[in-house]
Amino acid sequence: MALIVRQQRLKLSLSGRLAIKVIAEPPDKRRRDLDNILKAPLDALTHAGVLMDDEQFDEINIVRGQPVSGGRMGVKIYPIMHEEQVKK
């Protein structure tokens, strides 16, 4: 992920509370536990400088997609506006 961030010249360091949606498209039809998927990508996003710490996530959504050759993972990160932030 760090390579992708550098290649795209992304200047990110997301702060505040965040939500993430992950779509995991496995390389084949073998059984996999979705809850085992998150550790490595979240650590990679932190290492790449996209976010400050994976502790920032208040919402995590993981979706199992259809198998695709080689496997693929889509990630969408967005800020969460808590009630007290909206009232300001």
PDB file of N, CA and C in Angstrom:
ATOM      1  N   MET A   1       0.814  -1.197   0.000  1.00  0.00           N
ATOM      2  CA  MET A   1       0.000   0.000   0.000  1.00  0.00           C
ATOM      3  C   MET A   1       0.854   1.256   0.000  1.00  0.00           C
ATOM      4  N   ALA A   2       1.981   1.206   0.699  1.00  0.00           N
ATOM      5  CA  ALA A   2       2.856   2.381   0.718  1.00  0.00           C
ATOM      6  C   ALA A   2       3.298   2.736  -0.698  1.00  0.00           C
ATOM      7  N   LEU A   3       3.578   1.727  -1.504  1.00  0.00           N
ATOM      8  CA  LEU A   3       3.987   1.954  -2.890  1.00  0.00           C
ATOM      9  C   LEU A   3       2.876   2.648  -3.677  1.00  0.00           C
ATOM     10  N   ILE A   4       1.656   2.198  -3.504  1.00  0.00           N
ATOM     11  CA  ILE A   4       0.515   2.810  -4.200  1.00  0.00           C
ATOM     12  C   ILE A   4       0.359   4.268  -3.773  1.00  0.00           C
ATOM     13  N   VAL A   5       0.470   4.529  -2.479  1.00  0.00           N
ATOM     14  CA  VAL A   5       0.354   5.904  -1.979  1.00  0.00           C
ATOM     15  C   VAL A   5       1.425   6.782  -2.612  1.00  0.00           C
ATOM     16  N   ARG A   6       2.669   6.283  -2.679  1.00  0.00           N
ATOM     17  CA  ARG A   6       3.749   7.060  -3.295  1.00  0.00           C
ATOM     18  C   ARG A   6       3.518   7.247  -4.792  1.00  0.00           C
ATOM     19  N   GLN A   7       3.110   6.180  -5.490  1.00  0.00           N
ATOM     20  CA  GLN A   7       2.895   6.268  -6.935  1.00  0.00           C
ATOM     21  C   GLN A   7       1.809   7.280  -7.279  1.00  0.00           C
ATOM     22  N   GLN A   8       0.781   7.325  -6.474  1.00  0.00           N
ATOM     23  CA  GLN A   8      -0.326   8.249  -6.725  1.00  0.00           C
ATOM     24  C   GLN A   8      -0.039   9.648  -6.176  1.00  0.00           C
ATOM     25  N   ARG A   9       1.119   9.791  -5.540  1.00  0.00           N
ATOM     26  CA  ARG A   9       1.526  11.060  -4.920  1.00  0.00           C
ATOM     27  C   ARG A   9       0.459  11.573  -3.955  1.00  0.00           C
ATOM     28  N   LEU A  10      -0.096  10.659  -3.184  1.00  0.00           N
ATOM     29  CA  LEU A  10      -1.125  11.021  -2.221  1.00  0.00           C
ATOM     30  C   LEU A  10      -0.483  11.640  -0.989  1.00  0.00           C
ATOM     31  N   LYS A  11      -0.986  12.757  -0.572  1.00  0.00           N
ATOM     32  CA  LYS A  11      -0.515  13.421   0.641  1.00  0.00           C
ATOM     33  C   LYS A  11      -1.616  13.274   1.687  1.00  0.00           C
ATOM     34  N   LEU A  12      -1.633  12.138   2.326  1.00  0.00           N
ATOM     35  CA  LEU A  12      -2.688  11.847   3.279  1.00  0.00           C
ATOM     36  C   LEU A  12      -2.109  11.615   4.663  1.00  0.00           C
ATOM     37  N   SER A  13      -2.816  12.027   5.637  1.00  0.00           N
ATOM     38  CA  SER A  13      -2.563  11.670   7.025  1.00  0.00           C
ATOM     39  C   SER A  13      -3.872  11.982   7.734  1.00  0.00           C
ATOM     40  N   LEU A  14      -4.821  11.099   7.530  1.00  0.00           N
ATOM     41  CA  LEU A  14      -6.168  11.322   8.029  1.00  0.00           C
ATOM     42  C   LEU A  14      -6.167  11.369   9.549  1.00  0.00           C
ATOM     43  N   SER A  15      -6.847  12.360  10.093  1.00  0.00           N
ATOM     44  CA  SER A  15      -6.955  12.476  11.540  1.00  0.00           C
ATOM     45  C   SER A  15      -8.425  12.397  11.919  1.00  0.00           C
ATOM     46  N   GLY A  16      -8.686  12.344  13.205  1.00  0.00           N
ATOM     47  CA  GLY A  16     -10.060  12.273  13.677  1.00  0.00           C
ATOM     48  C   GLY A  16     -10.595  10.852  13.629  1.00  0.00           C
ATOM     49  N   ARG A  17     -11.872  10.739  13.869  1.00  0.00           N
ATOM     50  CA  ARG A  17     -12.536   9.438  13.909  1.00  0.00           C
ATOM     51  C   ARG A  17     -12.921   9.045  12.488  1.00  0.00           C
ATOM     52  N   LEU A  18     -12.725   7.763  12.172  1.00  0.00           N
ATOM     53  CA  LEU A  18     -12.907   7.293  10.805  1.00  0.00           C
ATOM     54  C   LEU A  18     -13.779   6.050  10.733  1.00  0.00           C
ATOM     55  N   ALA A  19     -14.301   5.816   9.547  1.00  0.00           N
ATOM     56  CA  ALA A  19     -15.005   4.578   9.215  1.00  0.00           C
ATOM     57  C   ALA A  19     -14.305   3.982   7.999  1.00  0.00           C
ATOM     58  N   ILE A  20     -14.360   2.666   7.881  1.00  0.00           N
ATOM     59  CA  ILE A  20     -13.729   1.991   6.749  1.00  0.00           C
ATOM     60  C   ILE A  20     -14.670   0.919   6.220  1.00  0.00           C
ATOM     61  N   LYS A  21     -14.703   0.813   4.907  1.00  0.00           N
ATOM     62  CA  LYS A  21     -15.425  -0.277   4.253  1.00  0.00           C
ATOM     63  C   LYS A  21     -14.412  -1.033   3.407  1.00  0.00           C
ATOM     64  N   VAL A  22     -14.348  -2.335   3.615  1.00  0.00           N
ATOM     65  CA  VAL A  22     -13.422  -3.194   2.887  1.00  0.00           C
ATOM     66  C   VAL A  22     -14.230  -4.205   2.092  1.00  0.00           C
ATOM     67  N   ILE A  23     -13.954  -4.311   0.805  1.00  0.00           N
ATOM     68  CA  ILE A  23     -14.547  -5.360  -0.026  1.00  0.00           C
ATOM     69  C   ILE A  23     -13.418  -6.313  -0.380  1.00  0.00           C
ATOM     70  N   ALA A  24     -13.512  -7.527   0.151  1.00  0.00           N
ATOM     71  CA  ALA A  24     -12.473  -8.534  -0.054  1.00  0.00           C
ATOM     72  C   ALA A  24     -12.938  -9.534  -1.103  1.00  0.00           C
ATOM     73  N   GLU A  25     -12.245  -9.551  -2.227  1.00  0.00           N
ATOM     74  CA  GLU A  25     -12.557 -10.482  -3.307  1.00  0.00           C
ATOM     75  C   GLU A  25     -11.444 -11.524  -3.337  1.00  0.00           C
ATOM     76  N   PRO A  26     -11.726 -12.727  -2.831  1.00  0.00           N
ATOM     77  CA  PRO A  26     -10.685 -13.750  -2.696  1.00  0.00           C
ATOM     78  C   PRO A  26     -10.217 -14.285  -4.049  1.00  0.00           C
ATOM     79  N   PRO A  27      -9.027 -14.911  -4.067  1.00  0.00           N
ATOM     80  CA  PRO A  27      -8.495 -15.452  -5.319  1.00  0.00           C
ATOM     81  C   PRO A  27      -9.154 -16.763  -5.745  1.00  0.00           C
ATOM     82  N   ASP A  28      -9.892 -17.383  -4.821  1.00  0.00           N
ATOM     83  CA  ASP A  28     -10.550 -18.654  -5.136  1.00  0.00           C
ATOM     84  C   ASP A  28     -11.733 -18.853  -4.189  1.00  0.00           C
ATOM     85  N   LYS A  29     -12.379 -20.009  -4.284  1.00  0.00           N
ATOM     86  CA  LYS A  29     -13.601 -20.254  -3.512  1.00  0.00           C
ATOM     87  C   LYS A  29     -13.363 -20.943  -2.169  1.00  0.00           C
ATOM     88  N   ARG A  30     -12.092 -21.057  -1.750  1.00  0.00           N
ATOM     89  CA  ARG A  30     -11.830 -21.670  -0.443  1.00  0.00           C
ATOM     90  C   ARG A  30     -12.468 -20.849   0.671  1.00  0.00           C
ATOM     91  N   ARG A  31     -12.812 -21.527   1.759  1.00  0.00           N
ATOM     92  CA  ARG A  31     -13.422 -20.851   2.911  1.00  0.00           C
ATOM     93  C   ARG A  31     -12.384 -19.981   3.619  1.00  0.00           C
ATOM     94  N   ARG A  32     -12.785 -18.779   3.969  1.00  0.00           N
ATOM     95  CA  ARG A  32     -11.922 -17.852   4.697  1.00  0.00           C
ATOM     96  C   ARG A  32     -12.763 -17.108   5.732  1.00  0.00           C
ATOM     97  N   ASP A  33     -12.139 -16.796   6.858  1.00  0.00           N
ATOM     98  CA  ASP A  33     -12.798 -15.993   7.880  1.00  0.00           C
ATOM     99  C   ASP A  33     -12.589 -14.516   7.560  1.00  0.00           C
ATOM    100  N   LEU A  34     -13.677 -13.783   7.428  1.00  0.00           N
ATOM    101  CA  LEU A  34     -13.564 -12.358   7.119  1.00  0.00           C
ATOM    102  C   LEU A  34     -12.842 -11.579   8.215  1.00  0.00           C
ATOM    103  N   ASP A  35     -13.023 -12.001   9.465  1.00  0.00           N
ATOM    104  CA  ASP A  35     -12.410 -11.240  10.554  1.00  0.00           C
ATOM    105  C   ASP A  35     -10.886 -11.324  10.566  1.00  0.00           C
ATOM    106  N   ASN A  36     -10.300 -12.252   9.820  1.00  0.00           N
ATOM    107  CA  ASN A  36      -8.839 -12.361   9.746  1.00  0.00           C
ATOM    108  C   ASN A  36      -8.236 -11.466   8.668  1.00  0.00           C
ATOM    109  N   ILE A  37      -9.064 -10.792   7.907  1.00  0.00           N
ATOM    110  CA  ILE A  37      -8.599 -10.032   6.749  1.00  0.00           C
ATOM    111  C   ILE A  37      -8.027  -8.661   7.126  1.00  0.00           C
ATOM    112  N   LEU A  38      -8.489  -8.062   8.204  1.00  0.00           N
ATOM    113  CA  LEU A  38      -8.219  -6.648   8.449  1.00  0.00           C
ATOM    114  C   LEU A  38      -6.848  -6.267   8.987  1.00  0.00           C
ATOM    115  N   LYS A  39      -6.219  -7.069   9.787  1.00  0.00           N
ATOM    116  CA  LYS A  39      -4.984  -6.667  10.478  1.00  0.00           C
ATOM    117  C   LYS A  39      -3.912  -6.131   9.525  1.00  0.00           C
ATOM    118  N   ALA A  40      -3.546  -6.901   8.527  1.00  0.00           N
ATOM    119  CA  ALA A  40      -2.460  -6.491   7.620  1.00  0.00           C
ATOM    120  C   ALA A  40      -2.784  -5.211   6.844  1.00  0.00           C
ATOM    121  N   PRO A  41      -3.983  -5.082   6.233  1.00  0.00           N
ATOM    122  CA  PRO A  41      -4.249  -3.839   5.502  1.00  0.00           C
ATOM    123  C   PRO A  41      -4.310  -2.600   6.398  1.00  0.00           C
ATOM    124  N   LEU A  42      -4.859  -2.734   7.611  1.00  0.00           N
ATOM    125  CA  LEU A  42      -4.911  -1.575   8.502  1.00  0.00           C
ATOM    126  C   LEU A  42      -3.508  -1.155   8.925  1.00  0.00           C
ATOM    127  N   ASP A  43      -2.659  -2.125   9.232  1.00  0.00           N
ATOM    128  CA  ASP A  43      -1.270  -1.808   9.569  1.00  0.00           C
ATOM    129  C   ASP A  43      -0.555  -1.179   8.373  1.00  0.00           C
ATOM    130  N   ALA A  44      -0.830  -1.676   7.172  1.00  0.00           N
ATOM    131  CA  ALA A  44      -0.200  -1.133   5.964  1.00  0.00           C
ATOM    132  C   ALA A  44      -0.639   0.308   5.709  1.00  0.00           C
ATOM    133  N   LEU A  45      -1.908   0.612   5.934  1.00  0.00           N
ATOM    134  CA  LEU A  45      -2.399   1.983   5.760  1.00  0.00           C
ATOM    135  C   LEU A  45      -1.720   2.935   6.743  1.00  0.00           C
ATOM    136  N   THR A  46      -1.507   2.461   7.968  1.00  0.00           N
ATOM    137  CA  THR A  46      -0.815   3.272   8.966  1.00  0.00           C
ATOM    138  C   THR A  46       0.640   3.480   8.555  1.00  0.00           C
ATOM    139  N   HIS A  47       1.307   2.401   8.170  1.00  0.00           N
ATOM    140  CA  HIS A  47       2.710   2.469   7.758  1.00  0.00           C
ATOM    141  C   HIS A  47       2.890   3.383   6.540  1.00  0.00           C
ATOM    142  N   ALA A  48       1.921   3.372   5.637  1.00  0.00           N
ATOM    143  CA  ALA A  48       1.994   4.200   4.427  1.00  0.00           C
ATOM    144  C   ALA A  48       1.704   5.674   4.711  1.00  0.00           C
ATOM    145  N   GLY A  49       1.265   5.977   5.928  1.00  0.00           N
ATOM    146  CA  GLY A  49       0.988   7.361   6.284  1.00  0.00           C
ATOM    147  C   GLY A  49      -0.395   7.831   5.894  1.00  0.00           C
ATOM    148  N   VAL A  50      -1.263   6.914   5.511  1.00  0.00           N
ATOM    149  CA  VAL A  50      -2.629   7.293   5.126  1.00  0.00           C
ATOM    150  C   VAL A  50      -3.416   7.719   6.354  1.00  0.00           C
ATOM    151  N   LEU A  51      -3.174   7.071   7.477  1.00  0.00           N
ATOM    152  CA  LEU A  51      -3.823   7.442   8.715  1.00  0.00           C
ATOM    153  C   LEU A  51      -2.801   7.437   9.834  1.00  0.00           C
ATOM    154  N   MET A  52      -3.163   8.025  10.952  1.00  0.00           N
ATOM    155  CA  MET A  52      -2.216   8.139  12.056  1.00  0.00           C
ATOM    156  C   MET A  52      -2.111   6.836  12.838  1.00  0.00           C
ATOM    157  N   ASP A  53      -3.250   6.185  13.067  1.00  0.00           N
ATOM    158  CA  ASP A  53      -3.286   4.962  13.869  1.00  0.00           C
ATOM    159  C   ASP A  53      -4.574   4.226  13.528  1.00  0.00           C
ATOM    160  N   ASP A  54      -4.508   2.892  13.457  1.00  0.00           N
ATOM    161  CA  ASP A  54      -5.733   2.161  13.124  1.00  0.00           C
ATOM    162  C   ASP A  54      -6.749   2.189  14.262  1.00  0.00           C
ATOM    163  N   GLU A  55      -6.383   2.754  15.397  1.00  0.00           N
ATOM    164  CA  GLU A  55      -7.309   2.953  16.504  1.00  0.00           C
ATOM    165  C   GLU A  55      -8.357   4.008  16.154  1.00  0.00           C
ATOM    166  N   GLN A  56      -8.133   4.777  15.109  1.00  0.00           N
ATOM    167  CA  GLN A  56      -9.042   5.848  14.705  1.00  0.00           C
ATOM    168  C   GLN A  56     -10.385   5.338  14.195  1.00  0.00           C
ATOM    169  N   PHE A  57     -10.476   4.055  13.864  1.00  0.00           N
ATOM    170  CA  PHE A  57     -11.705   3.531  13.268  1.00  0.00           C
ATOM    171  C   PHE A  57     -12.764   3.246  14.320  1.00  0.00           C
ATOM    172  N   ASP A  58     -13.908   3.908  14.189  1.00  0.00           N
ATOM    173  CA  ASP A  58     -15.068   3.646  15.033  1.00  0.00           C
ATOM    174  C   ASP A  58     -16.062   2.726  14.326  1.00  0.00           C
ATOM    175  N   GLU A  59     -15.999   2.670  13.009  1.00  0.00           N
ATOM    176  CA  GLU A  59     -16.875   1.794  12.221  1.00  0.00           C
ATOM    177  C   GLU A  59     -16.028   1.006  11.237  1.00  0.00           C
ATOM    178  N   ILE A  60     -16.272  -0.303  11.212  1.00  0.00           N
ATOM    179  CA  ILE A  60     -15.566  -1.181  10.277  1.00  0.00           C
ATOM    180  C   ILE A  60     -16.596  -2.069   9.605  1.00  0.00           C
ATOM    181  N   ASN A  61     -16.604  -2.057   8.276  1.00  0.00           N
ATOM    182  CA  ASN A  61     -17.541  -2.864   7.495  1.00  0.00           C
ATOM    183  C   ASN A  61     -16.724  -3.715   6.526  1.00  0.00           C
ATOM    184  N   ILE A  62     -16.883  -5.040   6.612  1.00  0.00           N
ATOM    185  CA  ILE A  62     -16.168  -5.956   5.719  1.00  0.00           C
ATOM    186  C   ILE A  62     -17.195  -6.717   4.896  1.00  0.00           C
ATOM    187  N   VAL A  63     -17.005  -6.718   3.585  1.00  0.00           N
ATOM    188  CA  VAL A  63     -17.911  -7.414   2.673  1.00  0.00           C
ATOM    189  C   VAL A  63     -17.110  -8.434   1.875  1.00  0.00           C
ATOM    190  N   ARG A  64     -17.633  -9.656   1.786  1.00  0.00           N
ATOM    191  CA  ARG A  64     -16.997 -10.678   0.963  1.00  0.00           C
ATOM    192  C   ARG A  64     -17.528 -10.543  -0.461  1.00  0.00           C
ATOM    193  N   GLY A  65     -16.634 -10.271  -1.391  1.00  0.00           N
ATOM    194  CA  GLY A  65     -17.007 -10.173  -2.792  1.00  0.00           C
ATOM    195  C   GLY A  65     -16.872 -11.523  -3.484  1.00  0.00           C
ATOM    196  N   GLN A  66     -17.092 -11.532  -4.763  1.00  0.00           N
ATOM    197  CA  GLN A  66     -16.937 -12.737  -5.570  1.00  0.00           C
ATOM    198  C   GLN A  66     -15.454 -12.996  -5.822  1.00  0.00           C
ATOM    199  N   PRO A  67     -15.071 -14.261  -5.952  1.00  0.00           N
ATOM    200  CA  PRO A  67     -13.669 -14.566  -6.267  1.00  0.00           C
ATOM    201  C   PRO A  67     -13.241 -13.945  -7.598  1.00  0.00           C
ATOM    202  N   VAL A  68     -12.018 -13.399  -7.607  1.00  0.00           N
ATOM    203  CA  VAL A  68     -11.413 -12.867  -8.829  1.00  0.00           C
ATOM    204  C   VAL A  68      -9.985 -13.402  -8.912  1.00  0.00           C
ATOM    205  N   SER A  69      -9.502 -13.598 -10.091  1.00  0.00           N
ATOM    206  CA  SER A  69      -8.161 -14.131 -10.295  1.00  0.00           C
ATOM    207  C   SER A  69      -7.123 -13.268  -9.581  1.00  0.00           C
ATOM    208  N   GLY A  70      -6.333 -13.882  -8.730  1.00  0.00           N
ATOM    209  CA  GLY A  70      -5.306 -13.158  -7.991  1.00  0.00           C
ATOM    210  C   GLY A  70      -5.801 -12.495  -6.715  1.00  0.00           C
ATOM    211  N   GLY A  71      -7.117 -12.397  -6.532  1.00  0.00           N
ATOM    212  CA  GLY A  71      -7.687 -11.734  -5.365  1.00  0.00           C
ATOM    213  C   GLY A  71      -7.575 -10.222  -5.480  1.00  0.00           C
ATOM    214  N   ARG A  72      -8.408  -9.533  -4.724  1.00  0.00           N
ATOM    215  CA  ARG A  72      -8.411  -8.068  -4.778  1.00  0.00           C
ATOM    216  C   ARG A  72      -9.090  -7.545  -3.513  1.00  0.00           C
ATOM    217  N   MET A  73      -8.661  -6.372  -3.072  1.00  0.00           N
ATOM    218  CA  MET A  73      -9.272  -5.753  -1.908  1.00  0.00           C
ATOM    219  C   MET A  73      -9.532  -4.285  -2.211  1.00  0.00           C
ATOM    220  N   GLY A  74     -10.769  -3.875  -2.027  1.00  0.00           N
ATOM    221  CA  GLY A  74     -11.129  -2.470  -2.174  1.00  0.00           C
ATOM    222  C   GLY A  74     -11.303  -1.855  -0.797  1.00  0.00           C
ATOM    223  N   VAL A  75     -10.811  -0.636  -0.615  1.00  0.00           N
ATOM    224  CA  VAL A  75     -10.869   0.033   0.684  1.00  0.00           C
ATOM    225  C   VAL A  75     -11.403   1.446   0.497  1.00  0.00           C
ATOM    226  N   LYS A  76     -12.391   1.809   1.313  1.00  0.00           N
ATOM    227  CA  LYS A  76     -12.905   3.178   1.313  1.00  0.00           C
ATOM    228  C   LYS A  76     -12.867   3.669   2.759  1.00  0.00           C
ATOM    229  N   ILE A  77     -12.235   4.812   2.959  1.00  0.00           N
ATOM    230  CA  ILE A  77     -12.123   5.403   4.291  1.00  0.00           C
ATOM    231  C   ILE A  77     -12.819   6.754   4.262  1.00  0.00           C
ATOM    232  N   TYR A  78     -13.619   7.027   5.289  1.00  0.00           N
ATOM    233  CA  TYR A  78     -14.290   8.318   5.338  1.00  0.00           C
ATOM    234  C   TYR A  78     -14.420   8.784   6.785  1.00  0.00           C
ATOM    235  N   PRO A  79     -14.472  10.103   6.990  1.00  0.00           N
ATOM    236  CA  PRO A  79     -14.559  10.648   8.349  1.00  0.00           C
ATOM    237  C   PRO A  79     -15.944  10.425   8.934  1.00  0.00           C
ATOM    238  N   ILE A  80     -15.979  10.322  10.237  1.00  0.00           N
ATOM    239  CA  ILE A  80     -17.243  10.196  10.957  1.00  0.00           C
ATOM    240  C   ILE A  80     -17.518  11.517  11.654  1.00  0.00           C
ATOM    241  N   MET A  81     -18.688  12.025  11.463  1.00  0.00           N
ATOM    242  CA  MET A  81     -19.112  13.230  12.168  1.00  0.00           C
ATOM    243  C   MET A  81     -19.980  12.792  13.340  1.00  0.00           C
ATOM    244  N   HIS A  82     -19.446  12.896  14.552  1.00  0.00           N
ATOM    245  CA  HIS A  82     -20.218  12.559  15.742  1.00  0.00           C
ATOM    246  C   HIS A  82     -21.183  13.696  16.057  1.00  0.00           C
ATOM    247  N   GLU A  83     -22.186  13.385  16.833  1.00  0.00           N
ATOM    248  CA  GLU A  83     -23.257  14.333  17.122  1.00  0.00           C
ATOM    249  C   GLU A  83     -22.736  15.675  17.640  1.00  0.00           C
ATOM    250  N   GLU A  84     -21.749  15.639  18.543  1.00  0.00           N
ATOM    251  CA  GLU A  84     -21.236  16.889  19.104  1.00  0.00           C
ATOM    252  C   GLU A  84     -20.494  17.719  18.052  1.00  0.00           C
ATOM    253  N   GLN A  85     -19.917  17.085  17.033  1.00  0.00           N
ATOM    254  CA  GLN A  85     -19.243  17.816  15.959  1.00  0.00           C
ATOM    255  C   GLN A  85     -20.254  18.493  15.039  1.00  0.00           C
ATOM    256  N   VAL A  86     -21.379  17.836  14.810  1.00  0.00           N
ATOM    257  CA  VAL A  86     -22.411  18.370  13.925  1.00  0.00           C
ATOM    258  C   VAL A  86     -23.055  19.608  14.543  1.00  0.00           C
ATOM    259  N   LYS A  87     -23.204  19.637  15.869  1.00  0.00           N
ATOM    260  CA  LYS A  87     -23.865  20.746  16.563  1.00  0.00           C
ATOM    261  C   LYS A  87     -23.026  22.014  16.587  1.00  0.00           C
ATOM    262  N   LYS A  88     -21.724  21.912  16.348  1.00  0.00           N
ATOM    263  CA  LYS A  88     -20.848  23.101  16.407  1.00  0.00           C
ATOM    264  C   LYS A  88     -21.106  24.055  15.278  1.00  0.00           C
TER     265      LYS A  88
END
